[in-house]
Amino acid sequence: MQLDFTGKTAVVTGASSGIGAASARLLAAAGASVVLAGRDRVRLERVQSEIQAAGGSARAAIGDLTDDRTLVKVVETAVGTPGAAGAIDVVVHCAGLLEKGTVREADLDSIDRMWRVNARAPMLLTKAAIPHLADGSSIVFVSSTVAHVGFPAYAPYSAAKGAIEAFARALAVELAPATRVNVVAPGFAETPMLTDQYPENPAMEEWIVSRTPVGFVGSAEDIARTILAVACSATGRYITGSTLICDGGWVAAG
């Protein structure tokens, strides 16, 4: 069964790198007209150019998602996309912020930033998009395995990710049957959020691999393919209100 998004309009946040960029590329390759949302103009426009060079359709909505004006801009860009017919078919919330630190160490500004990026922004962007969602549409929130197991020094980040999973479950019931709402919770994946930690932790990658049942660290594309399978009306039509853990067996291993 093919993942076909021909004629669909998809919004992807955090599309300038990592899982967001991978999801945007795959959606465009599958026929979607993609709205790329993010705050890094250079990286976002690079992803846009790559998609267009490959024959896909992409438009950029540049701005900080913690700014409510950006949320309006993202929705307006999507609704105005050629062929969108005033409707949004897919929303993928990939934008995220991780600032490590124990609860004792974390300052209030850091906790507030993580809450605004990881929980408040996707909640409010979804609220802004709801009037424009098409029948048969799909929303996918990207959470994390830290919402399912205890990770030292990740408590504020874990709390925000756990909140978005609870939000998604309630929203799935609220928006049914017209819109499906799900969560994909990645484990460790080769994205800047992980690889930027390698220089300070030389043994980190080896430790992750040794602890992961499949025996390797997943790529951003591995997570993105899972997101598309959940978002697609053909492959995911009976899935809503669910969280799919995509971690190579990390949580299962205990």
C-alpha atoms as a PDB file:
ATOM      1  CA  MET A   1       0.000   0.000   0.000  1.00  0.00           C
ATOM      2  CA  GLN A   2       1.538   3.301  -1.093  1.00  0.00           C
ATOM      3  CA  LEU A   3       1.706   6.419   1.043  1.00  0.00           C
ATOM      4  CA  ASP A   4      -0.072   8.829  -1.278  1.00  0.00           C
ATOM      5  CA  PHE A   5      -0.617  12.471  -0.306  1.00  0.00           C
ATOM      6  CA  THR A   6      -1.342  13.775  -3.796  1.00  0.00           C
ATOM      7  CA  GLY A   7      -3.430  16.944  -3.669  1.00  0.00           C
ATOM      8  CA  LYS A   8      -3.047  17.243   0.105  1.00  0.00           C
ATOM      9  CA  THR A   9      -1.761  20.257   2.020  1.00  0.00           C
ATOM     10  CA  ALA A  10       0.532  19.417   4.919  1.00  0.00           C
ATOM     11  CA  VAL A  11       1.955  21.676   7.613  1.00  0.00           C
ATOM     12  CA  VAL A  12       5.212  20.573   9.242  1.00  0.00           C
ATOM     13  CA  THR A  13       6.738  22.473  12.155  1.00  0.00           C
ATOM     14  CA  GLY A  14      10.405  22.213  12.999  1.00  0.00           C
ATOM     15  CA  ALA A  15      10.935  21.600   9.296  1.00  0.00           C
ATOM     16  CA  SER A  16      14.406  23.136   9.096  1.00  0.00           C
ATOM     17  CA  SER A  17      16.217  20.016  10.352  1.00  0.00           C
ATOM     18  CA  GLY A  18      15.948  16.554  11.853  1.00  0.00           C
ATOM     19  CA  ILE A  19      12.631  14.726  11.927  1.00  0.00           C
ATOM     20  CA  GLY A  20      10.733  17.783  10.694  1.00  0.00           C
ATOM     21  CA  ALA A  21      12.876  18.192   7.586  1.00  0.00           C
ATOM     22  CA  ALA A  22      12.731  14.452   6.875  1.00  0.00           C
ATOM     23  CA  SER A  23       8.942  14.426   7.253  1.00  0.00           C
ATOM     24  CA  ALA A  24       8.576  17.430   4.946  1.00  0.00           C
ATOM     25  CA  ARG A  25      10.741  15.832   2.252  1.00  0.00           C
ATOM     26  CA  LEU A  26       8.848  12.535   2.382  1.00  0.00           C
ATOM     27  CA  LEU A  27       5.450  14.251   2.343  1.00  0.00           C
ATOM     28  CA  ALA A  28       6.452  16.309  -0.683  1.00  0.00           C
ATOM     29  CA  ALA A  29       7.814  13.217  -2.442  1.00  0.00           C
ATOM     30  CA  ALA A  30       4.455  11.538  -1.779  1.00  0.00           C
ATOM     31  CA  GLY A  31       2.620  14.387  -3.523  1.00  0.00           C
ATOM     32  CA  ALA A  32       1.737  16.809  -0.725  1.00  0.00           C
ATOM     33  CA  SER A  33       2.035  20.569  -0.937  1.00  0.00           C
ATOM     34  CA  VAL A  34       4.070  21.229   2.196  1.00  0.00           C
ATOM     35  CA  VAL A  35       4.173  24.320   4.395  1.00  0.00           C
ATOM     36  CA  LEU A  36       7.511  24.430   6.214  1.00  0.00           C
ATOM     37  CA  ALA A  37       7.355  26.164   9.592  1.00  0.00           C
ATOM     38  CA  GLY A  38      10.434  27.141  11.563  1.00  0.00           C
ATOM     39  CA  ARG A  39      12.485  30.064  12.804  1.00  0.00           C
ATOM     40  CA  ASP A  40      15.828  29.425  11.051  1.00  0.00           C
ATOM     41  CA  ARG A  41      15.415  31.149   7.687  1.00  0.00           C
ATOM     42  CA  VAL A  42      18.603  29.806   6.104  1.00  0.00           C
ATOM     43  CA  ARG A  43      17.994  26.156   6.983  1.00  0.00           C
ATOM     44  CA  LEU A  44      14.263  26.344   6.239  1.00  0.00           C
ATOM     45  CA  GLU A  45      14.827  27.841   2.805  1.00  0.00           C
ATOM     46  CA  ARG A  46      17.474  25.182   2.133  1.00  0.00           C
ATOM     47  CA  VAL A  47      14.924  22.432   2.799  1.00  0.00           C
ATOM     48  CA  GLN A  48      12.411  24.303   0.639  1.00  0.00           C
ATOM     49  CA  SER A  49      14.916  24.482  -2.230  1.00  0.00           C
ATOM     50  CA  GLU A  50      15.745  20.775  -1.910  1.00  0.00           C
ATOM     51  CA  ILE A  51      12.065  19.839  -2.118  1.00  0.00           C
ATOM     52  CA  GLN A  52      11.472  22.097  -5.109  1.00  0.00           C
ATOM     53  CA  ALA A  53      14.588  20.831  -6.884  1.00  0.00           C
ATOM     54  CA  ALA A  54      13.211  17.302  -6.521  1.00  0.00           C
ATOM     55  CA  GLY A  55       9.958  18.409  -8.182  1.00  0.00           C
ATOM     56  CA  GLY A  56       7.938  18.855  -4.994  1.00  0.00           C
ATOM     57  CA  SER A  57       5.865  21.750  -3.683  1.00  0.00           C
ATOM     58  CA  ALA A  58       6.940  23.652  -0.579  1.00  0.00           C
ATOM     59  CA  ARG A  59       6.354  27.071   0.953  1.00  0.00           C
ATOM     60  CA  ALA A  60       8.087  28.487   4.017  1.00  0.00           C
ATOM     61  CA  ALA A  61       6.425  30.164   6.993  1.00  0.00           C
ATOM     62  CA  ILE A  62       9.338  31.621   8.926  1.00  0.00           C
ATOM     63  CA  GLY A  63       8.954  32.644  12.541  1.00  0.00           C
ATOM     64  CA  ASP A  64       9.202  31.676  16.182  1.00  0.00           C
ATOM     65  CA  LEU A  65       6.333  29.354  17.085  1.00  0.00           C
ATOM     66  CA  THR A  66       6.244  30.769  20.597  1.00  0.00           C
ATOM     67  CA  ASP A  67       5.048  34.026  18.988  1.00  0.00           C
ATOM     68  CA  ASP A  68       1.289  33.824  18.439  1.00  0.00           C
ATOM     69  CA  ARG A  69       1.627  35.905  15.282  1.00  0.00           C
ATOM     70  CA  THR A  70       3.716  33.126  13.739  1.00  0.00           C
ATOM     71  CA  LEU A  71       0.949  30.615  14.395  1.00  0.00           C
ATOM     72  CA  VAL A  72      -1.466  32.781  12.402  1.00  0.00           C
ATOM     73  CA  LYS A  73       1.109  33.119   9.611  1.00  0.00           C
ATOM     74  CA  VAL A  74       1.568  29.341   9.382  1.00  0.00           C
ATOM     75  CA  VAL A  75      -2.165  28.720   9.025  1.00  0.00           C
ATOM     76  CA  GLU A  76      -2.630  31.552   6.525  1.00  0.00           C
ATOM     77  CA  THR A  77       0.261  30.225   4.435  1.00  0.00           C
ATOM     78  CA  ALA A  78      -1.298  26.753   4.389  1.00  0.00           C
ATOM     79  CA  VAL A  79      -4.785  27.906   3.501  1.00  0.00           C
ATOM     80  CA  GLY A  80      -3.380  30.057   0.712  1.00  0.00           C
ATOM     81  CA  THR A  81      -1.344  27.248  -0.828  1.00  0.00           C
ATOM     82  CA  PRO A  82      -2.327  26.671  -4.496  1.00  0.00           C
ATOM     83  CA  GLY A  83      -4.680  23.712  -4.740  1.00  0.00           C
ATOM     84  CA  ALA A  84      -5.435  23.716  -1.011  1.00  0.00           C
ATOM     85  CA  ALA A  85      -9.081  24.706  -1.511  1.00  0.00           C
ATOM     86  CA  GLY A  86      -8.923  26.496   1.831  1.00  0.00           C
ATOM     87  CA  ALA A  87      -8.264  23.262   3.706  1.00  0.00           C
ATOM     88  CA  ILE A  88      -5.434  21.664   5.670  1.00  0.00           C
ATOM     89  CA  ASP A  89      -5.136  17.888   5.382  1.00  0.00           C
ATOM     90  CA  VAL A  90      -2.129  17.061   7.574  1.00  0.00           C
ATOM     91  CA  VAL A  91      -0.422  18.781  10.498  1.00  0.00           C
ATOM     92  CA  VAL A  92       2.829  17.340  11.839  1.00  0.00           C
ATOM     93  CA  HIS A  93       4.175  18.944  15.013  1.00  0.00           C
ATOM     94  CA  CYS A  94       7.931  18.294  15.013  1.00  0.00           C
ATOM     95  CA  ALA A  95       9.288  21.513  16.540  1.00  0.00           C
ATOM     96  CA  GLY A  96      10.948  20.821  19.871  1.00  0.00           C
ATOM     97  CA  LEU A  97      13.352  22.225  22.418  1.00  0.00           C
ATOM     98  CA  LEU A  98      15.483  20.238  24.854  1.00  0.00           C
ATOM     99  CA  GLU A  99      17.443  21.912  27.635  1.00  0.00           C
ATOM    100  CA  LYS A 100      18.974  19.348  29.970  1.00  0.00           C
ATOM    101  CA  GLY A 101      19.113  19.854  33.692  1.00  0.00           C
ATOM    102  CA  THR A 102      17.743  18.359  36.878  1.00  0.00           C
ATOM    103  CA  VAL A 103      14.721  19.961  38.485  1.00  0.00           C
ATOM    104  CA  ARG A 104      17.042  21.463  41.076  1.00  0.00           C
ATOM    105  CA  GLU A 105      19.285  22.940  38.384  1.00  0.00           C
ATOM    106  CA  ALA A 106      16.651  24.107  35.895  1.00  0.00           C
ATOM    107  CA  ASP A 107      15.826  27.791  36.080  1.00  0.00           C
ATOM    108  CA  LEU A 108      12.314  29.090  35.532  1.00  0.00           C
ATOM    109  CA  ASP A 109      13.163  30.619  32.156  1.00  0.00           C
ATOM    110  CA  SER A 110      14.363  27.246  30.854  1.00  0.00           C
ATOM    111  CA  ILE A 111      11.235  25.476  32.090  1.00  0.00           C
ATOM    112  CA  ASP A 112       9.034  28.163  30.530  1.00  0.00           C
ATOM    113  CA  ARG A 113      10.866  27.953  27.185  1.00  0.00           C
ATOM    114  CA  MET A 114      10.454  24.184  26.996  1.00  0.00           C
ATOM    115  CA  TRP A 115       6.787  24.423  27.896  1.00  0.00           C
ATOM    116  CA  ARG A 116       6.116  27.128  25.308  1.00  0.00           C
ATOM    117  CA  VAL A 117       7.873  25.259  22.480  1.00  0.00           C
ATOM    118  CA  ASN A 118       6.954  21.651  23.290  1.00  0.00           C
ATOM    119  CA  ALA A 119       3.402  22.055  24.610  1.00  0.00           C
ATOM    120  CA  ARG A 120       1.856  25.503  24.257  1.00  0.00           C
ATOM    121  CA  ALA A 121       2.888  26.136  20.632  1.00  0.00           C
ATOM    122  CA  PRO A 122       1.528  22.855  19.207  1.00  0.00           C
ATOM    123  CA  MET A 123      -1.676  23.248  21.215  1.00  0.00           C
ATOM    124  CA  LEU A 124      -2.313  26.768  19.925  1.00  0.00           C
ATOM    125  CA  LEU A 125      -1.256  26.024  16.349  1.00  0.00           C
ATOM    126  CA  THR A 126      -3.725  23.136  16.341  1.00  0.00           C
ATOM    127  CA  LYS A 127      -6.432  25.420  17.705  1.00  0.00           C
ATOM    128  CA  ALA A 128      -5.732  27.918  14.910  1.00  0.00           C
ATOM    129  CA  ALA A 129      -5.799  25.159  12.267  1.00  0.00           C
ATOM    130  CA  ILE A 130      -9.023  23.442  13.380  1.00  0.00           C
ATOM    131  CA  PRO A 131     -11.422  25.723  11.420  1.00  0.00           C
ATOM    132  CA  HIS A 132      -9.483  24.871   8.248  1.00  0.00           C
ATOM    133  CA  LEU A 133      -9.078  21.103   8.658  1.00  0.00           C
ATOM    134  CA  ALA A 134     -10.496  18.981   5.868  1.00  0.00           C
ATOM    135  CA  ASP A 135     -12.670  15.939   6.409  1.00  0.00           C
ATOM    136  CA  GLY A 136     -10.327  12.970   6.637  1.00  0.00           C
ATOM    137  CA  SER A 137      -7.492  15.126   7.936  1.00  0.00           C
ATOM    138  CA  SER A 138      -4.807  13.978  10.332  1.00  0.00           C
ATOM    139  CA  ILE A 139      -2.739  15.564  13.104  1.00  0.00           C
ATOM    140  CA  VAL A 140       0.461  13.955  14.366  1.00  0.00           C
ATOM    141  CA  PHE A 141       2.291  15.224  17.443  1.00  0.00           C
ATOM    142  CA  VAL A 142       5.907  14.200  17.964  1.00  0.00           C
ATOM    143  CA  SER A 143       6.549  13.305  21.581  1.00  0.00           C
ATOM    144  CA  SER A 144       9.432  11.280  23.044  1.00  0.00           C
ATOM    145  CA  THR A 145      10.162   8.117  24.972  1.00  0.00           C
ATOM    146  CA  VAL A 146      11.011  10.390  27.920  1.00  0.00           C
ATOM    147  CA  ALA A 147       7.234  10.671  28.388  1.00  0.00           C
ATOM    148  CA  HIS A 148       7.169   6.910  29.041  1.00  0.00           C
ATOM    149  CA  VAL A 149      10.264   6.175  31.134  1.00  0.00           C
ATOM    150  CA  GLY A 150      12.142   8.196  33.707  1.00  0.00           C
ATOM    151  CA  PHE A 151      15.232   9.968  32.379  1.00  0.00           C
ATOM    152  CA  PRO A 152      17.353  11.842  34.941  1.00  0.00           C
ATOM    153  CA  ALA A 153      17.882  15.516  34.044  1.00  0.00           C
ATOM    154  CA  TYR A 154      14.955  15.486  31.607  1.00  0.00           C
ATOM    155  CA  ALA A 155      12.024  16.085  33.964  1.00  0.00           C
ATOM    156  CA  PRO A 156      10.770  19.464  32.609  1.00  0.00           C
ATOM    157  CA  TYR A 157      11.123  18.234  29.010  1.00  0.00           C
ATOM    158  CA  SER A 158       9.387  14.974  29.923  1.00  0.00           C
ATOM    159  CA  ALA A 159       6.514  16.873  31.504  1.00  0.00           C
ATOM    160  CA  ALA A 160       5.887  18.922  28.373  1.00  0.00           C
ATOM    161  CA  LYS A 161       5.965  15.837  26.155  1.00  0.00           C
ATOM    162  CA  GLY A 162       3.622  13.992  28.504  1.00  0.00           C
ATOM    163  CA  ALA A 163       1.240  16.940  28.403  1.00  0.00           C
ATOM    164  CA  ILE A 164       1.075  16.911  24.614  1.00  0.00           C
ATOM    165  CA  GLU A 165       0.278  13.196  24.617  1.00  0.00           C
ATOM    166  CA  ALA A 166      -2.631  13.790  27.013  1.00  0.00           C
ATOM    167  CA  PHE A 167      -3.793  16.696  24.856  1.00  0.00           C
ATOM    168  CA  ALA A 168      -3.702  14.513  21.743  1.00  0.00           C
ATOM    169  CA  ARG A 169      -5.832  11.778  23.309  1.00  0.00           C
ATOM    170  CA  ALA A 170      -8.536  14.247  24.306  1.00  0.00           C
ATOM    171  CA  LEU A 171      -8.368  16.028  20.955  1.00  0.00           C
ATOM    172  CA  ALA A 172      -8.772  12.738  19.084  1.00  0.00           C
ATOM    173  CA  VAL A 173     -12.150  12.256  20.723  1.00  0.00           C
ATOM    174  CA  GLU A 174     -13.131  15.890  20.263  1.00  0.00           C
ATOM    175  CA  LEU A 175     -12.355  16.017  16.535  1.00  0.00           C
ATOM    176  CA  ALA A 176     -13.630  12.562  15.575  1.00  0.00           C
ATOM    177  CA  PRO A 177     -14.668  11.367  13.092  1.00  0.00           C
ATOM    178  CA  ALA A 178     -13.518  14.093  10.691  1.00  0.00           C
ATOM    179  CA  THR A 179      -9.939  14.320  11.954  1.00  0.00           C
ATOM    180  CA  ARG A 180      -7.631  11.673  13.371  1.00  0.00           C
ATOM    181  CA  VAL A 181      -5.125  12.708  16.061  1.00  0.00           C
ATOM    182  CA  ASN A 182      -2.116  10.616  17.068  1.00  0.00           C
ATOM    183  CA  VAL A 183       1.325  10.798  18.610  1.00  0.00           C
ATOM    184  CA  VAL A 184       4.631   9.330  17.455  1.00  0.00           C
ATOM    185  CA  ALA A 185       7.120   9.057  20.309  1.00  0.00           C
ATOM    186  CA  PRO A 186      10.671   8.636  18.986  1.00  0.00           C
ATOM    187  CA  GLY A 187      13.496   7.206  20.993  1.00  0.00           C
ATOM    188  CA  PHE A 188      17.090   8.134  20.265  1.00  0.00           C
ATOM    189  CA  ALA A 189      17.469   9.174  16.627  1.00  0.00           C
ATOM    190  CA  GLU A 190      20.315  10.683  14.640  1.00  0.00           C
ATOM    191  CA  THR A 191      19.111  14.273  14.750  1.00  0.00           C
ATOM    192  CA  PRO A 192      20.896  17.425  15.924  1.00  0.00           C
ATOM    193  CA  MET A 193      19.086  17.169  19.273  1.00  0.00           C
ATOM    194  CA  LEU A 194      21.053  13.948  19.890  1.00  0.00           C
ATOM    195  CA  THR A 195      24.251  14.321  17.881  1.00  0.00           C
ATOM    196  CA  ASP A 196      24.998  17.743  19.372  1.00  0.00           C
ATOM    197  CA  GLN A 197      25.491  15.904  22.680  1.00  0.00           C
ATOM    198  CA  TYR A 198      28.131  13.514  21.300  1.00  0.00           C
ATOM    199  CA  PRO A 199      31.188  15.804  21.663  1.00  0.00           C
ATOM    200  CA  GLU A 200      30.633  16.119  25.410  1.00  0.00           C
ATOM    201  CA  ASN A 201      29.731  12.422  25.747  1.00  0.00           C
ATOM    202  CA  PRO A 202      32.117  10.390  23.516  1.00  0.00           C
ATOM    203  CA  ALA A 203      30.725   7.034  24.680  1.00  0.00           C
ATOM    204  CA  MET A 204      27.077   8.048  24.281  1.00  0.00           C
ATOM    205  CA  GLU A 205      26.429   6.569  20.837  1.00  0.00           C
ATOM    206  CA  GLU A 206      28.039   3.233  21.727  1.00  0.00           C
ATOM    207  CA  TRP A 207      25.995   3.086  24.932  1.00  0.00           C
ATOM    208  CA  ILE A 208      22.738   3.806  23.076  1.00  0.00           C
ATOM    209  CA  VAL A 209      23.436   1.117  20.461  1.00  0.00           C
ATOM    210  CA  SER A 210      24.321  -1.458  23.124  1.00  0.00           C
ATOM    211  CA  ARG A 211      21.051  -0.707  24.906  1.00  0.00           C
ATOM    212  CA  THR A 212      18.808  -0.753  21.808  1.00  0.00           C
ATOM    213  CA  PRO A 213      17.407  -4.176  20.813  1.00  0.00           C
ATOM    214  CA  VAL A 214      17.523  -3.536  17.043  1.00  0.00           C
ATOM    215  CA  GLY A 215      21.243  -2.788  17.377  1.00  0.00           C
ATOM    216  CA  PHE A 216      21.434   0.655  15.788  1.00  0.00           C
ATOM    217  CA  VAL A 217      20.375   4.257  16.292  1.00  0.00           C
ATOM    218  CA  GLY A 218      17.446   5.179  14.048  1.00  0.00           C
ATOM    219  CA  SER A 219      17.603   7.969  11.514  1.00  0.00           C
ATOM    220  CA  ALA A 220      15.329  10.976  11.156  1.00  0.00           C
ATOM    221  CA  GLU A 221      13.897   9.248   8.082  1.00  0.00           C
ATOM    222  CA  ASP A 222      12.987   6.177  10.163  1.00  0.00           C
ATOM    223  CA  ILE A 223      10.835   8.366  12.397  1.00  0.00           C
ATOM    224  CA  ALA A 224       9.444  10.330   9.453  1.00  0.00           C
ATOM    225  CA  ARG A 225       8.286   7.159   7.681  1.00  0.00           C
ATOM    226  CA  THR A 226       6.391   6.186  10.825  1.00  0.00           C
ATOM    227  CA  ILE A 227       4.788   9.626  10.971  1.00  0.00           C
ATOM    228  CA  LEU A 228       3.640   9.360   7.356  1.00  0.00           C
ATOM    229  CA  ALA A 229       2.203   5.884   7.885  1.00  0.00           C
ATOM    230  CA  VAL A 230       0.144   7.188  10.809  1.00  0.00           C
ATOM    231  CA  ALA A 231      -0.886  10.348   8.956  1.00  0.00           C
ATOM    232  CA  CYS A 232      -1.913   8.641   5.724  1.00  0.00           C
ATOM    233  CA  SER A 233      -5.651   8.047   5.376  1.00  0.00           C
ATOM    234  CA  ALA A 234      -4.971   4.679   3.720  1.00  0.00           C
ATOM    235  CA  THR A 235      -2.532   3.130   6.179  1.00  0.00           C
ATOM    236  CA  GLY A 236      -3.676   4.887   9.356  1.00  0.00           C
ATOM    237  CA  ARG A 237      -7.431   5.193   8.885  1.00  0.00           C
ATOM    238  CA  TYR A 238      -8.293   3.103  11.973  1.00  0.00           C
ATOM    239  CA  ILE A 239      -5.698   4.719  14.229  1.00  0.00           C
ATOM    240  CA  THR A 240      -6.641   7.683  16.410  1.00  0.00           C
ATOM    241  CA  GLY A 241      -5.985   8.697  19.981  1.00  0.00           C
ATOM    242  CA  SER A 242      -2.884   6.495  20.000  1.00  0.00           C
ATOM    243  CA  THR A 243       0.789   6.894  20.768  1.00  0.00           C
ATOM    244  CA  LEU A 244       3.161   4.859  18.614  1.00  0.00           C
ATOM    245  CA  ILE A 245       6.598   4.436  20.166  1.00  0.00           C
ATOM    246  CA  CYS A 246       9.337   4.336  17.527  1.00  0.00           C
ATOM    247  CA  ASP A 247      12.527   3.577  19.443  1.00  0.00           C
ATOM    248  CA  GLY A 248      14.096   0.334  18.241  1.00  0.00           C
ATOM    249  CA  GLY A 249      12.778  -1.448  21.318  1.00  0.00           C
ATOM    250  CA  TRP A 250      14.331   0.836  23.941  1.00  0.00           C
ATOM    251  CA  VAL A 251      11.216   1.121  26.140  1.00  0.00           C
ATOM    252  CA  ALA A 252      10.386  -2.572  25.717  1.00  0.00           C
ATOM    253  CA  ALA A 253      13.854  -3.491  26.959  1.00  0.00           C
ATOM    254  CA  GLY A 254      13.109  -1.826  30.300  1.00  0.00           C
END
